[in-house]
Each structure stands twice: as structure tokens, then as C-alpha cells.
Amino acid sequence: MSRRLLAILCRSEGMRRSRAVLQMLLWDSTTADPAASLRQLLLQTRKRLGDFGSCLQTGADSVWLEGVTDETDGANGPEAEFFEDAGFGTEEFEDWLRLERQAFQTQRAERKSRKPPALRDPRLVVGLTTPGEVLLDGRQTVVAEWVTNLVRDALGWSDFICCTDLRLRAEPPECDLLVCVHVLPVGGSLEISVALDDAGRCLWSRSVQVPNDKDLADHRDAILEFAQITVGRIEGLLPVLAGRNEAPAKQEPKLFHVVDRLFTMRPADVRWAAETLDGFSDHENLASILAWQGFSKMLMNGERLVADRAAARSEAMHLIRNALNVDPMNTTALTVASHYQAFIKRDLAYARDLSDEALAIAPFSPFARDVRATLELYDNNLEAAVPHARIAMRLGRSGPLRHYLAATGVMIDTLSGAHGRAISVGRRLLCERPRFLPVMRHMVASLAASGEMDEAQTLARSIKRIDPEFGTEAMTAERYPLPSELSRTFISTTLRRHDLWG
């Protein structure tokens, strides 16, 4: 009986069925108390599931599965029948089973006729070098090696770039982009310069001067910031490099294309990105792909783009678990898991542990830094959030996550009282991402606090069309999606003070 229960739930929309329907399917009219029989069956099934018993969830009116994926898709052999050892059940169960078997056969036929997915292009290859012939003394060599190592370490986490250290290769591979680091004496200073070279064509260059004296170590922060800005610019060149040899219509989407579309927050783009990510299952970087798939489900839930938000959250959790099972040290998987625990589960202690692991592996990941900044906001620690957000923006200002990182900055600026900057950045973001609710909710408070009431009232009306609970008592509930009590208190107080409440 437990197997029948699980089969029914697994094949139901959102893996959820009402108690009444389960009672009808599993027991006939001769059963004295089907409700009590269902309660007993649920207890027995949890025991039989052992460590996975928590996947079977119950409510007052329904039963559902959480953290489970339905893999009964016709892929288990040419002759396999759906639930072929189901045995005999009630008449209603037999009717249900017959319909499910017909659907199973239809899925199998569609699977046979479907062409295998095209393999995506590999990640872009970026080579790093320090031309030895221009280095005149030991200090210049040390500085050049240090800057190059910083860039290498910052790119090492990336899901979008394959970084190759050409200093270690006797026969360097063909690269999509060459990063050349030079250090030259200029008067009493050292000029550190980086050039991004594409087949002899300089796409971008930047330099910084630091004093060439015994206190060079005191300028580590300036040199670190310089390296981080370089990494941000490299990510910004990804679309140019990917499309230079192909007609746009013939390009297979690369991961950074999909992630870039995901973060536009436009409903059509988010849905397209989520569907496209589902087709990346054969990608060589499987843990990252699973993590991004999980993140896309979280986004579909958060932006209210799915009818069954509970099912989307459950699927996200399953994908994130799988990502960590594939590679427990994958930075993207750890970062998405941290965000899930903080944003969905509100388990800030576990989220912090996951974030610590991600940052220990990849301290220069803009995604990991941004998630840590939002985690600090969830924990009402505004002062700790600021440096993480600044580093994230410096590293990712031109990359696929640039709008997402800027949104965190808007929230921090609003709560810090930097309303002018919050409004300026928020306006630019909303031009490109008109439905981005976290930005809208904070920006309306900044507008009201700055006396720009006409725009504040217009924006508040736009928010209410997407989120009818905004500006009502529902905002004071813990379940309402605001990052922290800091946000809840400031936004609610500001709306009340300026007659935008209710």
C-alpha cells in the first residue's frame, strides 16, 4: 500500500494530493474509517522510508512529497511498464493506474522521437601571461606574479571561463582571450598594467601606479582592487568573444548567455532560461548546472511565475542537493545552497556555514560575495553586508550577474540612508528589469524618504499590481518576502509616514 501511495503522489501535479482523493483511490466503501487508515499508512510509510521519511509531508487537507523528482519517464528500458507490480487495488485505483500507464507509453514514444540535445560549446578559454622580457628587477617580477595569481584565482571559480596559466605551459593551447600583465618603473612608482588581447587586438587595458618603496605591501588593497576590476571586465567581454565567429541565429546558448537572461527578471526571459538550463544536463560541469537549475526554480518561485510555488521550492531543494552530491566543493552549488537555506528556509546558521565554505574556496566569486551580503542583511547586520557587496560589484560589474549585484547595493543604500544613490541605481535597474520586486520595494521607500512623492506613488501602484500585499498589514508577517527586519521596519514605517500604507 505504501508503494501505491508514493506512486500516486509522485505522478500528481506538484507531487501533492488531497487526503480525500487518496482515501478514495486507496480504500473502497467497505473500509470503516478511511481517514484513520490513511493516517496509519502515512506513519508506516515514513518508517519504511527511513532516512527519507521527511520527504513525505502532510497537512490538514493534503499530503505531498518534498525534495523528490519523478523519474518515471519511460527511460527505464524498452519493455518496462509503469508500476507493473502494482497488484490489484480499488476500482478507482485501477482507473487511475490505467490512465497513468497510457501517459507513460506516450512519454516513451515522445522520447524515442526526440533528437538528442546538441552539445554546448565548451567554456571560453582565457590565458594568463607575464611577458618576461620586460621585467627589469626582482620586485617587478614579484608584483607581476602576484597580480597574475590574483586574476587566476578570481577566475578559477567561474562557471563561464576556463582559465589557463600560460606560465606553466610549454605548449600553450589556443585561447579566446590573452591576459597580459606588465610591471614597469615610472619615476618613483611602479606602473602595473593589464591588457586583454584578442588575436593581436587589444580589447581593453587598464593601469595603476603604486609607490616603488619599502612600503609596497601597504598598497595591497589598491592592487587587489585593480585585479578585481580586471576580472569584472573579462566577464563583460564574454558575449563579444562568444559571438565573433558565428551568426547569432546559429549560436548554441552558452551558460553565461542563459544566466544573463535569467537575471533580466522579465517573465519570458526567466522562463526561457529555466527551460534552457534543463537542457544542459550533459554539460561537463554538472554540479554547477544542477545548482543553476535549482536557482532558476527559486527565482520562478520568488517572482511568482509558477502556479505551484511549493512544488518549485521542493524541486529547487532536490536539484541543489544533487549538485552538492556530485561535487561538495563546487562554489556555485555551495552558494546557491546557502541562498536557499537563508531565503527559503531562514536557517541562517546553516546558510552561514555553507557561505563560509564557498568563500574559503573562492573568495573572489562575485556570486558568493553577494549571497554573503544578502545573508548579512537577513541577519540584520548591515555593517557586515557592505564590504561583501562592494567586492561583489567590483568583480561582477560587467558580468552576467551585474544587475543582481547592483540590486543588493540598492537595498543596502536604502537601509544606510544613501537614498540618492539607491534611487539613481534603482532607476537604471528598473529600466532593464521592470519587475524586480526587491529593488522596487526598497526604492519606493527611498523615493518617499527623499520627498519624491509622485514617483513614489507611481512605483507603489506598480508594486501592488504584482504584489497586492505590499503596503498592507501582511507586510508585517514573517512570511512576507523582505530580506530582514531592518527592511521590514524601515519600509513599513516610511510607507505609513507618507500615506502610502493601505
Foldseek 3Di string as FASTA:
>chain_A
DLVLLQVVLQPDVLSKDWLVVVLPQADDPVDPDSSVVVVVSLVVNLVVVVVLSVQWDDDPTMIGGFLDHRPLQQPPDVPDFVPPVVDDGDPNNVVVSVVVRVVNVVSNVVVVPDDADDAADQAFEEEEDEPPVQDDDDVQVVLQVVLSVLLCLLCVQDPRYDYHYCVPDPDDDDGLWYWYWGWDDDPQWIKIKIFIDGVNDTPDMDIDIDGPDPVRVVCVVVSSLVSLLVLQVVQLCRVVSQPVPHDPVPHDDDLQNLLLLCPLQDLVSLVVSLVVLVSCCVPPLNLLSLLVNLVSLVSCLVQVVDPDNSSSLSSSSNSLVVSCVVPVQNLSSLLSVLLSCCQPVVPLVVSVVSLVSSCVSRVQALSSLQSVLLSCVLVVNLVVSVVSLVSSCSNNCSHSCNLVSVLSVLQSCLLVVVLVSSLVSLVVSCVSRVSPVSSLLSNLLSCLVVVVPVVSLVSLVVNCVSPVCPQEPVLVDPPPRDSYVSSSVSSNVSCVVRVNHD
